[in-house]
Amino acid sequence: MPALNKNITRYHYIVFFLWLLLTLIAAIYFITSRLTSFDPNMQLAGKESSSLIKRIREIEELKNVDLSNTIIHFTSTNCSCTKYSKDHKASINKKAQLDDFNVLNIHLPADLLTIIPSTPSILIVSAIENLLYFGPYSVGLSCSQSNGYVETVLQNYAQGFNSDLIISDVKGCYCNV
């Protein structure tokens, strides 16, 4: 077996460093281009929970629905981010059944003007129709349970706490409506 070339020069180090730097820049570019603001138009900024629920009730499928103890999943057409949240959604639904929540799935048409800034998103309403949570399933690229708020909100509600939480200033894999 021939010996390895041991004549590594400064040129080799420079080429390796440049390759490493360009690879890092490309990775950062592609990762950040997939991160989208959940509420880019700041529709939810300073919004009161009661007015948010009132606006959500304007959606045709929710006009005459009792929202007490309800979890509503919002999705939209051609949103590639929905596939990343499927496991998280299934986990939430399992916990919701154990806690006697009703679960609704609302598919938002592309031309619907609504208070919901992005999908996939979730609304959780208490037994007395107070807002527990509205926002994305989680933050980051994968919409996984490990970086989500929903489980904490449900756990706190089971212990008697009402979080009244609207999350809007986050970035992740979302499709703006």
Protein backbone atom coordinates (compact mmCIF):
# COMPACT_ATOMS: atom_id res chain seq x y z
CA MET A 1 0.00 0.00 0.00
CA PRO A 2 1.53 3.30 -1.00
CA ALA A 3 2.17 5.88 1.67
CA LEU A 4 -0.20 8.81 1.96
CA ASN A 5 0.97 12.14 0.66
CA LYS A 6 2.30 13.96 3.69
CA ASN A 7 2.94 17.18 1.84
CA ILE A 8 -0.13 19.10 2.98
CA THR A 9 0.47 22.71 2.19
CA ARG A 10 -1.07 25.97 3.25
CA TYR A 11 -3.02 25.87 -0.05
CA HIS A 12 -4.76 22.64 1.05
CA TYR A 13 -5.80 24.22 4.35
CA ILE A 14 -7.16 27.31 2.57
CA VAL A 15 -9.17 25.19 0.11
CA PHE A 16 -10.55 23.05 2.95
CA PHE A 17 -11.46 26.13 5.03
CA LEU A 18 -13.20 27.78 2.04
CA TRP A 19 -15.13 24.57 1.29
CA LEU A 20 -16.19 24.33 4.95
CA LEU A 21 -17.23 27.99 5.04
CA LEU A 22 -19.26 27.76 1.82
CA THR A 23 -20.98 24.58 3.01
CA LEU A 24 -21.92 26.28 6.28
CA ILE A 25 -23.26 29.36 4.47
CA ALA A 26 -25.34 27.17 2.12
CA ALA A 27 -26.76 25.19 5.05
CA ILE A 28 -27.73 28.36 6.93
CA TYR A 29 -29.32 29.81 3.80
CA PHE A 30 -31.46 26.74 3.09
CA ILE A 31 -32.52 26.29 6.71
CA THR A 32 -33.49 29.93 7.25
CA SER A 33 -35.34 30.09 3.93
CA ARG A 34 -37.69 27.37 5.25
CA LEU A 35 -38.37 29.27 8.48
CA THR A 36 -41.46 31.43 8.12
CA SER A 37 -42.99 33.86 10.57
CA PHE A 38 -46.27 32.53 12.01
CA ASP A 39 -47.92 35.97 12.00
CA PRO A 40 -46.02 38.09 9.45
CA ASN A 41 -48.72 40.81 9.30
CA MET A 42 -49.03 41.02 13.11
CA GLN A 43 -52.79 40.28 13.03
CA LEU A 44 -52.60 38.74 16.49
CA ALA A 45 -50.47 41.42 18.15
CA GLY A 46 -52.31 42.75 21.20
CA LYS A 47 -55.40 40.72 20.36
CA GLU A 48 -57.68 39.90 23.30
CA SER A 49 -58.60 36.23 23.63
CA SER A 50 -62.36 36.91 23.59
CA SER A 51 -62.13 38.89 20.34
CA LEU A 52 -59.95 36.16 18.82
CA ILE A 53 -62.55 33.50 19.60
CA LYS A 54 -65.29 35.78 18.24
CA ARG A 55 -63.37 36.20 14.96
CA ILE A 56 -62.68 32.47 14.70
CA ARG A 57 -66.41 31.79 15.14
CA GLU A 58 -66.92 33.72 11.87
CA ILE A 59 -65.50 30.72 10.00
CA GLU A 60 -68.50 29.01 8.40
CA GLU A 61 -67.83 25.55 9.89
CA LEU A 62 -67.70 27.00 13.43
CA LYS A 63 -70.71 29.36 13.45
CA ASN A 64 -73.09 27.14 15.43
CA VAL A 65 -70.61 24.87 17.16
CA ASP A 66 -70.28 24.56 20.94
CA LEU A 67 -66.58 25.24 21.50
CA SER A 68 -66.43 24.20 25.15
CA ASN A 69 -63.59 21.74 25.79
CA THR A 70 -62.60 21.78 22.13
CA ILE A 71 -59.38 21.49 20.21
CA ILE A 72 -59.47 22.76 16.63
CA HIS A 73 -56.74 21.90 14.15
CA PHE A 74 -56.44 24.34 11.23
CA THR A 75 -54.85 23.24 7.95
CA SER A 76 -54.77 24.70 4.45
CA THR A 77 -54.48 23.51 0.87
CA ASN A 78 -51.05 22.58 -0.43
CA CYS A 79 -49.27 23.31 2.83
CA SER A 80 -46.20 21.10 2.86
CA CYS A 81 -45.65 21.85 6.55
CA THR A 82 -48.75 19.83 7.50
CA LYS A 83 -46.88 16.57 6.93
CA TYR A 84 -44.30 17.54 9.56
CA SER A 85 -46.97 18.07 12.21
CA LYS A 86 -48.94 14.81 11.68
CA ASP A 87 -47.24 12.89 14.50
CA HIS A 88 -47.54 15.86 16.84
CA LYS A 89 -51.22 16.24 15.94
CA ALA A 90 -51.86 12.54 16.62
CA SER A 91 -50.19 12.84 20.01
CA ILE A 92 -52.32 15.88 20.87
CA ASN A 93 -55.50 14.08 19.79
CA LYS A 94 -54.64 11.09 21.98
CA LYS A 95 -54.13 13.35 25.01
CA ALA A 96 -57.30 15.29 24.12
CA GLN A 97 -59.41 12.12 24.17
CA LEU A 98 -58.06 11.21 27.59
CA ASP A 99 -58.95 14.71 28.85
CA ASP A 100 -62.48 14.68 27.32
CA PHE A 101 -61.84 17.33 24.67
CA ASN A 102 -63.76 17.44 21.40
CA VAL A 103 -61.45 17.51 18.39
CA LEU A 104 -62.32 19.33 15.17
CA ASN A 105 -60.33 19.58 11.96
CA ILE A 106 -60.93 22.70 9.88
CA HIS A 107 -59.48 22.96 6.39
CA LEU A 108 -59.14 26.61 5.40
CA PRO A 109 -59.69 27.46 1.73
CA ALA A 110 -56.96 29.56 0.14
CA ASP A 111 -59.29 32.49 -0.53
CA LEU A 112 -60.73 32.74 3.00
CA LEU A 113 -60.00 35.99 4.82
CA THR A 114 -59.60 35.04 8.46
CA ILE A 115 -57.82 35.96 11.68
CA ILE A 116 -55.76 32.77 11.36
CA PRO A 117 -52.41 33.93 9.96
CA SER A 118 -50.81 30.56 9.17
CA THR A 119 -51.31 26.83 9.18
CA PRO A 120 -50.86 24.31 10.62
CA SER A 121 -52.20 25.89 13.77
CA ILE A 122 -54.31 24.90 16.74
CA LEU A 123 -56.95 26.47 18.99
CA ILE A 124 -57.71 25.06 22.44
CA VAL A 125 -60.81 26.26 24.29
CA SER A 126 -61.73 25.49 27.92
CA ALA A 127 -64.97 24.07 29.30
CA ILE A 128 -66.37 27.60 29.75
CA GLU A 129 -65.24 28.64 26.26
CA ASN A 130 -62.22 30.63 27.41
CA LEU A 131 -59.13 30.58 25.26
CA LEU A 132 -56.42 28.24 26.50
CA TYR A 133 -54.11 28.42 23.49
CA PHE A 134 -53.95 29.63 19.92
CA GLY A 135 -50.89 29.39 17.74
CA PRO A 136 -48.68 26.90 15.97
CA TYR A 137 -48.13 23.36 17.21
CA SER A 138 -44.52 24.24 17.86
CA VAL A 139 -41.59 26.30 16.65
CA GLY A 140 -38.69 25.38 14.40
CA LEU A 141 -38.44 23.32 11.26
CA SER A 142 -39.95 20.05 12.39
CA CYS A 143 -43.07 21.06 14.39
CA SER A 144 -42.18 18.34 16.88
CA GLN A 145 -43.43 17.79 20.40
CA SER A 146 -40.05 18.62 21.87
CA ASN A 147 -40.36 22.30 21.01
CA GLY A 148 -44.12 22.79 21.38
CA TYR A 149 -46.38 24.67 23.75
CA VAL A 150 -49.55 22.61 23.38
CA GLU A 151 -48.63 19.79 25.75
CA THR A 152 -47.69 22.27 28.47
CA VAL A 153 -50.99 24.13 28.04
CA LEU A 154 -53.00 20.88 28.26
CA GLN A 155 -51.04 19.69 31.28
CA ASN A 156 -51.51 23.02 33.07
CA TYR A 157 -55.24 23.03 32.27
CA ALA A 158 -55.60 19.53 33.73
CA GLN A 159 -54.06 20.95 36.94
CA GLY A 160 -56.54 23.84 37.02
CA PHE A 161 -54.62 26.62 35.26
CA ASN A 162 -55.96 28.64 32.32
CA SER A 163 -53.06 29.88 30.23
CA ASP A 164 -54.95 32.28 27.89
CA LEU A 165 -51.97 32.07 25.53
CA ILE A 166 -51.73 33.47 22.00
CA ILE A 167 -48.42 32.67 20.32
CA SER A 168 -47.69 34.70 17.21
CA ASP A 169 -44.09 35.94 17.18
CA VAL A 170 -42.34 32.70 16.27
CA LYS A 171 -40.67 31.16 13.22
CA GLY A 172 -41.05 27.65 11.92
CA CYS A 173 -42.49 25.59 9.11
CA TYR A 174 -45.79 27.41 8.47
CA CYS A 175 -47.87 28.30 5.43
CA ASN A 176 -49.22 31.84 5.58
CA VAL A 177 -52.93 32.05 4.76
